[in-house]
Protein backbone atom coordinates (compact mmCIF):
# COMPACT_ATOMS: atom_id res chain seq x y z
CA MET A 1 -3.70 -36.14 -1.14
CA VAL A 2 -0.84 -34.34 -2.90
CA ALA A 3 -3.16 -31.02 -2.93
CA LEU A 4 -3.65 -31.39 0.94
CA ILE A 5 0.13 -31.75 1.50
CA LEU A 6 1.01 -28.90 -0.52
CA ALA A 7 -1.68 -26.74 1.14
CA GLU A 8 -0.08 -27.42 4.50
CA HIS A 9 2.99 -25.67 3.00
CA TYR A 10 1.23 -22.59 1.38
CA PRO A 11 2.76 -20.04 3.77
CA VAL A 12 6.26 -20.84 2.70
CA LEU A 13 5.42 -21.69 -0.89
CA VAL A 14 3.89 -18.29 -1.56
CA VAL A 15 7.35 -16.85 -0.93
CA VAL A 16 9.77 -19.46 -2.29
CA ILE A 17 7.76 -20.04 -5.45
CA SER A 18 8.14 -16.18 -6.05
CA LEU A 19 11.75 -16.18 -5.27
CA LEU A 20 12.36 -19.20 -7.76
CA ALA A 21 10.22 -17.50 -10.52
CA SER A 22 12.47 -14.41 -10.52
CA PHE A 23 15.65 -16.65 -11.08
CA THR A 24 13.56 -18.54 -13.75
CA ILE A 25 12.68 -15.30 -15.59
CA LEU A 26 16.34 -14.35 -15.52
CA ILE A 27 17.29 -17.32 -17.23
CA LEU A 28 14.57 -18.15 -19.45
CA GLY A 29 14.06 -14.24 -20.42
CA TRP A 30 17.41 -14.01 -21.86
CA LEU A 31 16.72 -16.97 -24.15
CA LYS A 32 13.25 -15.84 -25.08
CA LYS A 33 12.29 -12.25 -23.88
CA LYS A 34 8.45 -12.84 -24.33
CA THR A 35 8.56 -15.57 -21.46
CA ALA A 36 9.27 -13.11 -18.71
CA PHE A 37 5.92 -11.49 -18.66
CA PHE A 38 3.95 -15.04 -18.63
CA ILE A 39 6.19 -16.63 -16.00
CA SER A 40 5.75 -13.65 -13.79
CA LEU A 41 1.83 -13.58 -14.48
CA ALA A 42 1.44 -17.30 -13.91
CA THR A 43 3.52 -17.18 -10.73
CA ILE A 44 1.57 -14.20 -9.07
CA LEU A 45 -1.66 -15.99 -10.14
CA LEU A 46 -0.60 -19.14 -8.27
CA GLN A 47 0.45 -16.99 -5.26
CA LEU A 48 -3.01 -15.39 -5.27
CA PHE A 49 -4.77 -18.82 -5.33
CA MET A 50 -2.54 -19.68 -2.24
CA ALA A 51 -3.32 -16.52 -0.55
CA LEU A 52 -7.10 -16.95 -1.03
CA SER A 53 -6.99 -20.69 0.11
CA MET A 54 -5.06 -19.44 3.18
CA LEU A 55 -7.41 -16.62 4.00
CA LYS A 56 -10.38 -19.15 3.81
CA ARG A 57 -8.52 -21.51 6.16
CA VAL A 58 -7.81 -18.89 8.82
CA LEU A 59 -11.46 -17.62 8.72
CA ALA A 60 -12.46 -21.32 9.11
CA GLY A 61 -10.07 -22.55 11.58
CA GLY A 62 -7.99 -19.95 13.24
CA PRO A 63 -4.26 -18.51 12.57
CA ILE A 64 -1.88 -20.98 10.76
CA HIS A 65 1.78 -21.45 12.27
CA TYR A 66 4.45 -22.85 10.00
CA ARG A 67 7.82 -23.68 11.21
CA LEU A 68 10.73 -23.40 8.83
CA GLY A 69 12.95 -26.47 9.02
CA GLY A 70 11.09 -27.90 11.79
CA TRP A 71 12.77 -25.53 14.33
CA ALA A 72 10.17 -24.71 17.14
CA PRO A 73 9.97 -20.90 17.85
CA PRO A 74 11.58 -18.78 19.17
CA TRP A 75 14.72 -20.78 18.12
CA GLY A 76 13.49 -21.13 14.54
CA ILE A 77 11.97 -18.93 12.04
CA GLU A 78 7.94 -19.28 12.00
CA TYR A 79 5.60 -18.03 9.41
CA VAL A 80 2.23 -16.84 11.05
CA ILE A 81 -0.82 -16.46 8.94
CA ASP A 82 -3.83 -14.80 10.86
CA ALA A 83 -6.95 -12.90 9.54
CA PHE A 84 -5.08 -9.57 9.42
CA ASN A 85 -2.17 -10.62 7.19
CA ALA A 86 -4.11 -13.07 5.12
CA TYR A 87 -6.18 -10.09 4.19
CA VAL A 88 -3.24 -7.95 3.44
CA LEU A 89 -1.58 -10.82 1.57
CA VAL A 90 -4.59 -11.06 -0.91
CA VAL A 91 -4.71 -7.41 -1.40
CA ILE A 92 -0.93 -7.41 -2.23
CA LEU A 93 -1.21 -10.29 -4.73
CA PHE A 94 -4.43 -8.89 -6.25
CA LEU A 95 -2.99 -5.60 -7.01
CA SER A 96 0.40 -7.17 -8.38
CA LEU A 97 -1.69 -9.35 -10.58
CA LEU A 98 -3.40 -6.26 -12.18
CA CYS A 99 -0.02 -4.39 -12.31
CA ALA A 100 1.62 -7.38 -13.90
CA ILE A 101 -1.09 -7.24 -16.66
CA TYR A 102 -1.00 -3.55 -17.01
CA SER A 103 2.76 -3.70 -17.35
CA LYS A 104 3.06 -5.64 -20.45
CA ARG A 105 2.51 -3.00 -23.08
CA SER A 106 3.49 -0.07 -20.82
CA VAL A 107 6.96 -1.71 -20.44
CA GLU A 108 7.33 -2.55 -23.90
CA LYS A 109 7.05 1.04 -24.92
CA GLU A 110 8.91 2.59 -21.95
CA LEU A 111 11.69 0.01 -21.44
CA PRO A 112 11.88 -1.94 -24.50
CA LEU A 113 15.55 -3.13 -23.91
CA LYS A 114 15.07 -3.94 -20.21
CA ILE A 115 12.11 -5.98 -20.41
CA VAL A 116 13.77 -9.08 -18.67
CA PRO A 117 15.46 -7.09 -15.80
CA PHE A 118 12.08 -5.38 -15.13
CA TYR A 119 10.33 -8.61 -14.66
CA VAL A 120 12.95 -10.19 -12.54
CA LEU A 121 12.94 -7.01 -10.21
CA PHE A 122 9.11 -6.99 -10.31
CA GLN A 123 8.90 -10.69 -9.00
CA LEU A 124 11.57 -9.99 -6.38
CA LEU A 125 9.52 -6.98 -5.15
CA VAL A 126 6.52 -9.20 -4.94
CA THR A 127 8.65 -11.74 -2.98
CA GLY A 128 9.81 -9.19 -0.42
CA LEU A 129 6.23 -7.88 0.12
CA CYS A 130 4.86 -11.53 0.67
CA GLY A 131 7.67 -12.32 3.03
CA ILE A 132 7.11 -9.21 5.14
CA THR A 133 3.48 -10.29 5.43
CA VAL A 134 3.59 -13.73 6.30
CA THR A 135 6.72 -13.97 8.75
CA GLY A 136 6.31 -14.14 12.55
CA ASP A 137 9.99 -13.41 13.05
CA ILE A 138 10.99 -9.55 13.36
CA PHE A 139 14.62 -9.99 11.99
CA ASN A 140 13.07 -12.06 8.96
CA LEU A 141 10.68 -9.15 8.51
CA TYR A 142 13.68 -6.80 8.05
CA VAL A 143 15.35 -9.28 5.47
CA PHE A 144 12.27 -9.12 3.45
CA LEU A 145 11.87 -5.54 3.85
CA GLU A 146 15.26 -4.95 2.47
CA ILE A 147 14.69 -7.41 -0.54
CA SER A 148 11.54 -5.48 -1.33
CA SER A 149 13.28 -1.85 -0.97
CA LEU A 150 16.19 -3.00 -3.15
CA SER A 151 14.01 -4.27 -5.94
CA ALA A 152 12.10 -0.85 -5.70
CA TYR A 153 15.29 1.06 -5.85
CA ALA A 154 16.30 -0.67 -9.04
CA LEU A 155 12.92 -0.55 -10.57
CA ILE A 156 12.83 3.27 -10.26
CA ALA A 157 16.25 3.53 -11.63
CA VAL A 158 15.68 1.44 -14.68
CA ALA A 159 14.05 4.39 -16.28
CA GLY A 160 17.25 6.39 -16.47
CA GLY A 161 17.41 10.16 -16.54
CA LYS A 162 15.81 11.82 -13.58
CA ALA A 163 14.81 8.62 -12.22
CA LEU A 164 18.40 7.96 -11.24
CA LYS A 165 18.61 10.90 -9.00
CA ALA A 166 15.04 9.85 -7.50
CA SER A 167 16.27 6.41 -7.01
CA TYR A 168 19.43 7.47 -5.25
CA ASN A 169 17.39 9.83 -2.83
CA TYR A 170 15.27 6.78 -2.31
CA VAL A 171 18.23 4.82 -1.44
CA ILE A 172 19.64 7.10 1.02
CA MET A 173 16.34 7.68 2.93
CA GLY A 174 15.38 4.02 2.58
CA SER A 175 18.71 2.91 4.01
CA MET A 176 18.22 5.27 7.01
CA GLY A 177 14.77 3.71 7.58
CA ALA A 178 16.25 0.29 7.42
CA CYS A 179 19.02 1.18 9.99
CA PHE A 180 16.43 2.55 12.33
CA PHE A 181 14.51 -0.61 11.94
CA LEU A 182 17.48 -2.76 12.53
CA LEU A 183 18.60 -0.64 15.59
CA GLY A 184 15.10 -1.40 17.04
CA ILE A 185 15.67 -5.26 16.57
CA GLY A 186 19.05 -4.86 18.09
CA PHE A 187 17.76 -3.11 21.27
CA LEU A 188 14.88 -5.63 21.72
CA TYR A 189 17.18 -8.60 21.12
CA SER A 190 19.75 -7.25 23.73
CA VAL A 191 16.94 -7.11 26.50
CA THR A 192 14.87 -10.24 25.51
CA GLY A 193 17.16 -12.63 23.64
CA SER A 194 14.27 -13.44 21.05
CA LEU A 195 13.32 -12.30 17.71
CA ASN A 196 9.98 -14.19 17.52
CA MET A 197 7.25 -11.65 17.59
CA ALA A 198 4.69 -13.72 19.68
CA ASP A 199 7.51 -14.58 21.95
CA LEU A 200 8.55 -10.80 22.29
CA SER A 201 4.88 -9.96 23.10
CA HIS A 202 5.10 -12.02 26.21
CA LEU A 203 8.69 -10.91 27.22
CA LEU A 204 8.11 -7.19 26.91
CA PRO A 205 5.38 -6.42 29.29
CA PRO A 206 7.64 -6.50 32.42
CA LEU A 207 10.26 -4.48 30.60
CA TYR A 208 7.98 -1.58 29.27
CA GLU A 209 10.00 0.72 31.66
CA ASN A 210 13.26 -0.33 30.11
CA ARG A 211 14.79 2.54 28.12
CA ALA A 212 16.13 0.12 25.65
CA VAL A 213 12.54 -1.23 24.92
CA GLN A 214 11.19 2.52 24.52
CA ALA A 215 14.02 3.45 22.41
CA ALA A 216 13.49 0.34 20.18
CA PHE A 217 9.71 1.56 19.75
CA VAL A 218 10.92 4.97 18.59
CA PHE A 219 13.22 3.39 16.07
CA PHE A 220 10.60 1.15 14.70
CA ALA A 221 8.19 4.01 14.31
CA ILE A 222 10.65 6.29 12.65
CA GLY A 223 12.12 3.52 10.32
CA MET A 224 8.56 2.50 9.19
CA GLY A 225 7.70 6.02 8.88
CA ILE A 226 10.19 6.66 6.54
CA LYS A 227 9.45 3.43 4.33
CA ALA A 228 5.68 4.35 4.25
CA ALA A 229 6.41 8.03 3.35
CA LEU A 230 4.78 9.50 6.57
CA PHE A 231 5.10 13.21 6.64
CA PRO A 232 7.61 14.87 7.27
CA LEU A 233 9.65 11.70 6.38
CA HIS A 234 8.22 11.60 2.92
CA ILE A 235 10.87 13.68 0.86
CA TRP A 236 12.04 10.50 -1.09
CA GLN A 237 8.63 9.85 -2.55
CA PRO A 238 7.53 12.58 -4.79
CA ASP A 239 10.59 12.15 -7.19
CA ALA A 240 10.32 8.45 -6.91
CA TYR A 241 6.79 8.08 -7.89
CA THR A 242 6.93 10.91 -10.51
CA TYR A 243 9.93 9.53 -12.55
CA ALA A 244 9.52 5.86 -12.22
CA PRO A 245 8.12 4.10 -15.25
CA SER A 246 4.31 4.02 -15.07
CA ALA A 247 4.02 0.34 -14.04
CA VAL A 248 6.42 0.71 -11.20
CA SER A 249 4.66 3.78 -9.86
CA ALA A 250 1.35 1.90 -9.73
CA ILE A 251 2.78 -1.17 -8.06
CA ILE A 252 4.75 0.81 -5.49
CA ALA A 253 2.03 3.07 -4.74
CA ALA A 254 -0.56 0.49 -4.57
CA THR A 255 1.18 -2.26 -2.60
CA MET A 256 4.68 -1.09 -1.05
CA SER A 257 3.48 1.75 1.28
CA LYS A 258 0.53 -0.47 2.50
CA VAL A 259 2.96 -3.18 3.40
CA SER A 260 5.24 -0.70 5.32
CA VAL A 261 2.11 0.49 7.16
CA TYR A 262 1.29 -3.14 7.79
CA ALA A 263 4.59 -3.76 9.26
CA LEU A 264 4.13 -0.89 11.73
CA ILE A 265 0.80 -2.17 12.69
CA ARG A 266 2.18 -5.63 13.23
CA VAL A 267 5.08 -4.41 15.30
CA ILE A 268 2.74 -2.19 17.65
CA TYR A 269 0.13 -4.82 18.07
CA SER A 270 1.78 -8.08 18.01
CA VAL A 271 5.26 -7.13 19.47
CA PHE A 272 4.76 -4.19 21.88
CA THR A 273 1.06 -4.81 22.16
CA LEU A 274 -1.74 -2.26 22.92
CA LYS A 275 -0.78 -2.19 26.58
CA PHE A 276 2.53 -0.54 25.69
CA ILE A 277 0.77 2.48 23.92
CA GLN A 278 -1.61 2.68 26.99
CA SER A 279 1.20 2.84 29.37
CA TYR A 280 2.50 6.12 28.06
CA VAL A 281 -0.05 8.98 28.24
CA GLY A 282 0.30 10.99 25.22
CA ALA A 283 1.78 8.28 22.89
CA ASP A 284 -1.37 7.79 20.96
CA LEU A 285 -2.21 11.43 20.81
CA ALA A 286 1.27 12.19 19.41
CA LEU A 287 0.61 9.70 16.60
CA CYS A 288 -2.63 11.18 15.91
CA TRP A 289 -1.32 14.70 15.62
CA ILE A 290 1.56 13.67 13.17
CA ALA A 291 -0.92 11.84 11.16
CA ALA A 292 -3.22 14.87 11.06
CA ILE A 293 -0.42 17.25 10.07
CA GLY A 294 0.53 14.94 7.45
CA ILE A 295 -3.06 14.81 6.06
CA ILE A 296 -3.31 18.41 5.66
CA ALA A 297 0.24 19.12 4.55
CA GLY A 298 0.07 16.28 1.91
CA SER A 299 -3.04 17.65 0.61
CA VAL A 300 -1.72 21.26 0.35
CA LEU A 301 1.49 20.13 -1.43
CA ALA A 302 -0.59 18.24 -3.89
CA ILE A 303 -2.53 21.27 -4.54
CA MET A 304 0.67 23.18 -5.45
CA GLN A 305 1.71 20.52 -8.43
CA THR A 306 1.23 20.72 -11.86
CA LYS A 307 2.58 17.33 -12.89
CA LEU A 308 -0.09 14.74 -12.39
CA LYS A 309 2.16 11.96 -11.07
CA ARG A 310 3.78 14.44 -8.58
CA MET A 311 0.33 15.49 -7.55
CA LEU A 312 -0.76 11.89 -6.94
CA ALA A 313 2.65 11.30 -4.91
CA TYR A 314 1.75 14.21 -2.48
CA SER A 315 -1.63 12.88 -2.38
CA SER A 316 -0.22 9.43 -1.00
CA VAL A 317 1.53 11.28 1.57
CA SER A 318 -1.87 12.71 2.83
CA GLN A 319 -3.54 9.18 2.51
CA ILE A 320 -0.80 7.49 4.49
CA GLY A 321 -1.75 9.99 7.30
CA TYR A 322 -5.43 8.41 7.26
CA ILE A 323 -4.05 5.16 8.02
CA VAL A 324 -1.70 6.22 10.82
CA LEU A 325 -4.59 8.33 12.26
CA GLY A 326 -6.57 5.12 12.47
CA ILE A 327 -3.81 3.59 14.27
CA GLY A 328 -3.32 6.36 16.84
CA LEU A 329 -7.02 6.26 17.52
CA SER A 330 -7.44 2.61 17.83
CA PRO A 331 -6.44 2.50 21.75
CA ILE A 332 -9.38 4.66 22.23
CA SER A 333 -11.88 3.30 19.73
CA PRO A 334 -11.81 0.09 17.53
CA TRP A 335 -13.14 2.26 14.97
CA GLY A 336 -9.87 3.71 14.37
CA LEU A 337 -8.27 0.36 13.45
CA VAL A 338 -11.27 -0.58 11.40
CA GLY A 339 -10.47 2.61 9.39
CA ALA A 340 -6.78 1.96 9.03
CA MET A 341 -7.53 -1.69 8.04
CA ALA A 342 -10.03 -0.59 5.41
CA HIS A 343 -7.73 2.05 3.91
CA ILE A 344 -5.01 -0.49 3.33
CA LEU A 345 -7.36 -1.92 0.75
CA ASN A 346 -9.30 1.12 -0.34
CA HIS A 347 -6.23 3.23 -0.86
CA ALA A 348 -4.52 0.41 -2.67
CA ILE A 349 -7.62 0.33 -5.23
CA MET A 350 -8.06 4.01 -5.64
CA LYS A 351 -4.27 4.96 -5.96
CA GLY A 352 -3.53 1.95 -8.26
CA CYS A 353 -6.27 3.14 -10.45
CA LEU A 354 -5.06 6.76 -10.39
CA PHE A 355 -1.35 5.85 -11.56
CA MET A 356 -2.56 3.36 -14.11
CA ALA A 357 -4.71 6.24 -15.53
CA ALA A 358 -1.87 8.68 -15.37
CA GLY A 359 0.29 5.92 -17.12
CA GLY A 360 -2.19 5.84 -19.85
CA PHE A 361 -2.12 9.47 -20.59
CA ILE A 362 1.94 9.30 -20.83
CA TYR A 363 1.54 6.04 -22.72
CA LYS A 364 -0.83 7.65 -25.54
CA PHE A 365 0.19 11.04 -25.68
CA GLY A 366 3.15 11.69 -23.57
CA LEU A 367 1.19 13.94 -21.26
CA TRP A 368 2.66 14.69 -17.94
CA ASP A 369 1.41 18.28 -17.07
CA ILE A 370 -2.23 18.79 -15.91
CA ASN A 371 -2.60 21.79 -18.06
CA ASP A 372 -2.20 19.81 -21.25
CA PHE A 373 -5.09 17.29 -20.45
CA LYS A 374 -7.67 19.50 -22.30
CA GLY A 375 -10.11 17.25 -24.29
CA LEU A 376 -8.83 14.06 -22.97
CA GLY A 377 -12.34 13.01 -21.89
CA LYS A 378 -13.47 12.88 -25.51
CA LYS A 379 -10.10 11.34 -26.70
CA MET A 380 -9.71 8.77 -23.89
CA PRO A 381 -13.27 8.20 -22.59
CA TYR A 382 -12.51 5.06 -20.81
CA VAL A 383 -9.35 6.00 -19.08
CA SER A 384 -10.54 9.41 -18.27
CA ALA A 385 -13.63 7.66 -16.62
CA ALA A 386 -11.54 5.33 -14.72
CA PHE A 387 -9.44 8.29 -13.46
CA SER A 388 -12.54 10.24 -12.54
CA LEU A 389 -14.29 7.44 -10.55
CA ALA A 390 -10.88 6.95 -8.62
CA ALA A 391 -10.66 10.60 -7.95
CA VAL A 392 -14.35 10.94 -6.66
CA SER A 393 -13.46 7.97 -4.36
CA MET A 394 -10.47 9.72 -3.14
CA ILE A 395 -12.47 12.95 -2.41
CA GLY A 396 -14.95 10.69 -0.35
CA ILE A 397 -18.30 10.91 -2.15
CA PRO A 398 -20.74 8.24 -1.15
CA PRO A 399 -20.90 5.22 -1.55
CA THR A 400 -17.12 4.92 -2.53
CA THR A 401 -14.25 3.42 -0.72
CA GLY A 402 -12.87 6.65 0.34
CA PHE A 403 -16.31 7.68 1.78
CA ALA A 404 -16.26 4.48 3.94
CA THR A 405 -12.71 5.28 5.30
CA LYS A 406 -13.68 8.64 6.32
CA VAL A 407 -16.73 7.47 8.09
CA PHE A 408 -14.83 4.96 10.00
CA LEU A 409 -12.11 7.53 11.12
CA LEU A 410 -14.95 10.23 11.97
CA LEU A 411 -16.58 7.79 14.34
CA ALA A 412 -13.21 7.02 15.94
CA SER A 413 -12.37 10.87 16.32
CA LEU A 414 -15.87 11.49 17.82
CA GLU A 415 -15.32 8.70 20.31
CA ALA A 416 -11.85 10.26 20.95
CA THR A 417 -13.38 13.36 22.14
CA LYS A 418 -14.15 11.68 25.43
CA THR A 419 -10.53 11.21 26.08
CA PHE A 420 -8.70 13.66 23.98
CA ALA A 421 -11.22 16.47 24.34
CA VAL A 422 -10.53 19.33 22.02
CA SER A 423 -7.90 17.12 19.96
CA GLY A 424 -10.70 14.74 19.16
CA TYR A 425 -12.89 17.72 17.41
CA ILE A 426 -9.72 18.90 15.73
CA PHE A 427 -9.22 15.31 14.13
CA VAL A 428 -13.02 15.57 13.00
CA ALA A 429 -12.16 19.05 11.50
CA VAL A 430 -8.87 17.73 9.54
CA LEU A 431 -10.88 14.79 7.99
CA LEU A 432 -13.65 17.26 6.86
CA PHE A 433 -11.20 19.91 5.70
CA SER A 434 -9.10 17.27 4.03
CA THR A 435 -12.27 16.29 1.78
CA LEU A 436 -12.37 19.87 0.56
CA LEU A 437 -8.57 19.86 -0.14
CA ASN A 438 -9.10 16.62 -2.14
CA LEU A 439 -11.86 18.15 -4.17
CA SER A 440 -9.77 21.13 -5.01
CA TYR A 441 -6.86 19.36 -6.57
CA PHE A 442 -8.74 16.47 -8.20
CA TRP A 443 -11.42 18.70 -9.43
CA ARG A 444 -8.77 20.73 -11.46
CA VAL A 445 -7.87 17.38 -13.18
CA ILE A 446 -11.32 16.43 -14.05
CA ASP A 447 -12.24 19.97 -15.00
CA ARG A 448 -9.22 19.95 -17.56
CA ILE A 449 -10.19 16.51 -18.81
CA TYR A 450 -13.88 17.11 -19.47
CA PHE A 451 -14.63 20.73 -19.51
CA ALA A 452 -11.71 22.83 -20.80
CA ARG A 453 -11.39 23.24 -24.62
CA SER A 454 -8.19 22.87 -26.35
CA GLU A 455 -6.78 25.75 -28.17
CA GLU A 456 -5.72 23.63 -30.99
CA GLU A 457 -8.28 22.08 -33.45
CA GLU A 458 -9.55 18.71 -32.42
CA GLU A 459 -8.96 15.81 -34.72
CA VAL A 460 -12.34 14.74 -35.89
CA THR A 461 -13.92 12.19 -38.19
CA GLY A 462 -16.28 13.11 -40.94
CA MET A 463 -19.23 13.18 -38.45
CA GLY A 464 -17.63 15.68 -36.36
CA GLU A 465 -16.87 13.16 -33.56
CA VAL A 466 -13.59 13.13 -31.74
CA LYS A 467 -11.37 10.33 -32.68
CA LYS A 468 -10.96 8.04 -29.73
CA LEU A 469 -7.39 6.83 -29.01
CA GLU A 470 -7.55 4.49 -26.07
CA VAL A 471 -4.64 2.41 -24.60
CA PRO A 472 -4.34 -1.21 -25.17
CA LEU A 473 -6.81 -3.54 -23.49
CA SER A 474 -4.13 -5.08 -21.43
CA MET A 475 -3.75 -1.57 -19.71
CA LEU A 476 -7.33 -0.58 -19.85
CA VAL A 477 -8.83 -3.65 -18.22
CA PRO A 478 -6.92 -3.51 -14.92
CA MET A 479 -7.78 0.32 -14.54
CA LEU A 480 -11.53 -0.45 -15.37
CA ILE A 481 -11.59 -3.22 -12.73
CA LEU A 482 -10.11 -1.06 -10.11
CA ALA A 483 -12.49 1.86 -10.86
CA ALA A 484 -15.44 -0.48 -10.44
CA LEU A 485 -14.14 -1.73 -7.32
CA CYS A 486 -13.96 1.75 -5.98
CA ILE A 487 -17.90 1.51 -5.91
CA VAL A 488 -18.20 -2.36 -5.17
CA VAL A 489 -15.99 -2.26 -2.23
CA GLY A 490 -17.52 0.95 -0.85
CA ILE A 491 -20.93 -0.75 -0.86
CA MET A 492 -19.72 -3.79 0.71
CA TRP A 493 -18.17 -1.75 3.61
CA PHE A 494 -21.65 -0.03 4.12
CA THR A 495 -23.32 -3.49 3.94
CA GLN A 496 -20.97 -5.05 6.56
CA VAL A 497 -19.93 -7.87 4.29
CA PRO A 498 -16.23 -7.75 5.61
CA PHE A 499 -17.08 -7.08 9.19
CA PRO A 500 -17.08 -10.83 10.27
CA PHE A 501 -13.46 -10.91 8.91
CA LEU A 502 -12.48 -7.56 10.71
CA GLU A 503 -14.13 -8.99 13.98
CA ARG A 504 -11.66 -11.77 13.83
CA ALA A 505 -8.59 -9.75 12.99
CA ILE A 506 -9.26 -6.99 15.59
CA SER A 507 -9.69 -9.89 18.18
CA GLU A 508 -6.51 -11.26 17.32
CA LEU A 509 -4.55 -8.06 17.56
CA GLY A 510 -6.17 -7.56 20.97
CA VAL A 511 -7.86 -4.33 20.29
CA GLY A 512 -11.29 -5.00 21.60
CA VAL A 513 -14.72 -5.84 20.38
CA MET A 514 -15.64 -4.98 16.88
CA PRO A 515 -18.07 -1.99 16.87
CA ARG A 516 -21.23 -2.17 14.78
CA TRP A 517 -23.39 0.57 13.12
C-alpha cells in the first residue's frame, strides 16, 4: 500500500529527492568526505528506478498528470509525464548513473580537495535536468533550466586554470540564452495570461498572427539554440568541454545538450504545436538549413583540432545539427522526429563513451593531444577499444546507433524532396558527406592509437609484450557498457523494438502516424 502511494508521487519525488540529496551531500560530506559519492550514487539509482516505473506506467495507461499542492492547472504548476519525456528521463538518469560511477576515481585524482563540492553540484545538475524533463509549466521549465545551468557553470570552473575562462564564457552565453527564453515566456504570458504548456497549446492557435507570439517563438529558438550549442551559437562549448574535469565533460556532453534539445522539441510541439510551423511557409526549411550548415561546419572544425576533447566538442556541435535537422523535417515526414528522438539516446551513448575514454587517456598518461596517442592501443586495449567502437558508431557504420540515426534522417530527407525539391536532395548529400567528414577526424585518432609507432622505446615485459596500464574498473566498466550499447541499441532500432514506444510518443506530440520499414 505504501509503495502504491509513493508511486503516485514519483513525478515530484524524482526531483525533490535529488534536491534534498544535494543538501545531504553538503552536510554529511563535510563530516566524512567519502559519503558524498555513495549518497549521489544511491540517489540516482533511486531516481532511475522511479523513471523506469513511470515509463512502464505511461506505456500501459497513458500520460501522468501530477498537480503540485493540489492546485489545478493552469493556476497551479503541473508535472506531466508522457511517452516522450519518460523516455528522455530514463536516458538522462541512466547516463548520470554511469557518469557518477565513472567520476569516483576520476574526481579523486583531478579534484582531490573539491570532492564534496563536486558531488553537491553534480546532484544539483541532475535535479535541474530532471525538472526540465517532467514539468508541464513553461516558467517552471525556465527555473530548472537555470538550476542546471548554474550547476554546470560551477562544475566547469571547479577545475581552475583555463576552465575559469571557459566557465565565464559559458556564463555569458548561457545567461543570454536564458534571457531569450525568459523573454519568450513573457511575450506568451502577455497575450495568453497562462504558463501551463497544455493550456498554451489551446490558447495560441487563434493568435498565430500576433507579432508577440511570433517573436516569442524566435526567442525560444535562439535561447535553446545557445543552450544546446547549435551552430553558430556554439562558441561557448569547445572551451567548456575541453577544460572541464573529465567526469564533467562526460555528463554535460551526454545529457545537458540533449535536455536542451528536448526542451526545444517540447516548446515546438507541446506549446506552439505543429500547426504553427506549418502556418509559416519556410520556417521548417530555415531550421533544416541551419542544422545542415551546422552539421558540416562542426565536422570541418573538428578536423582542424589536435586536442581530443576539443575535437569531440566540435563533433557535438555537428551532432546537435542532426537532431535539429530531424525537427525541421518532421512537419514533412514523421521519420524526421523519429531520427531526432533516436539521436537523443544514440548521441548520449556515443559521446558519453568517447569523453569517458578521453578522460581515461588523461587519467593514466596525461595525454590531451592526438599526436601523442601512439601505441595506446597496446597500452590501454580496453579503453582504446571502447573509444574505437563509439567512434565507428559516430561515423555511422552498420549496425551501430549512429547508422540508425542517419537512416531515419535519410528517409525523412528523401520524403522532403516532394516538398522542398532540391533542398531535400541537398540534405541527403549533407548527411552522406558528413559521414566522410566523421570518418576523417575519427580515423585520424584510431590510426594513432593502433597503427602509429612511438619514437620512444616501448615499455615491455620479459616476453616482449607491451605493459598494459588500464584505468580503474570504476572508470572502465561504464565506458565498456556504453561501447556495447552502441551495437545493442543500434540492432534494437533495426529490429523495431522501440517502435511501439515511438508510435505512442509521436501520436502524443501530434506529428502523425508512426512510419514503418
